[in-house]
Amino acid sequence: MHVLDIENLTTSPLPTTVEVEQTMTEYRQRVQVGPLDQFVVGVNPRSLIEVGRGIRGAQILTRSGPDGADSVLTEMAVSDRIDLRFERVVIGSEDGYFAGLVAWLTAAGVHVTVVTRHGVLSWRLYVATSDITYLDTALAA
């Protein structure tokens, strides 16, 4: 399962369809995606149409306000008991908000990968996981 805070991954609070498509191309080049993988994407309501055009086939959740996308994604993960349904969860974000979700999934035996960009990953999320993939690996070289 892929749980994506797309605004973090695109580095834009209001990503365009082109930015979303470019980010998802980069994502698929760096992250293994299987034919049965599910995508759940969190966005603020003002980004819903652009994101929906850029990521087809994903479940899109929306909530406004500070940490809106983060909170709606975390609530979905807990209420849908993804800890019982998936062996691997990829969280695409930089936010420390997801540290608790990572700890909960890891304690349940789920392998968690965090996908982010260099220089923006929160310390709380960094220490919560042992598997980090960076989208912008060319910048690190």
Foldseek 3Di string as FASTA:
>chain_A
DEEEAQCQQLVHLADALVSLQVSVVLVVVFDPDDPPDAYEYEHAPNNVVRNCNNDPPHHYDYDDDVCGRVVVSLVCCVVVVVLVVAQEYEYEHQDLSCLVVLQVSVVSNHQYEYEHAPPRRDPSNVVSHDHYIYSPVVVVD
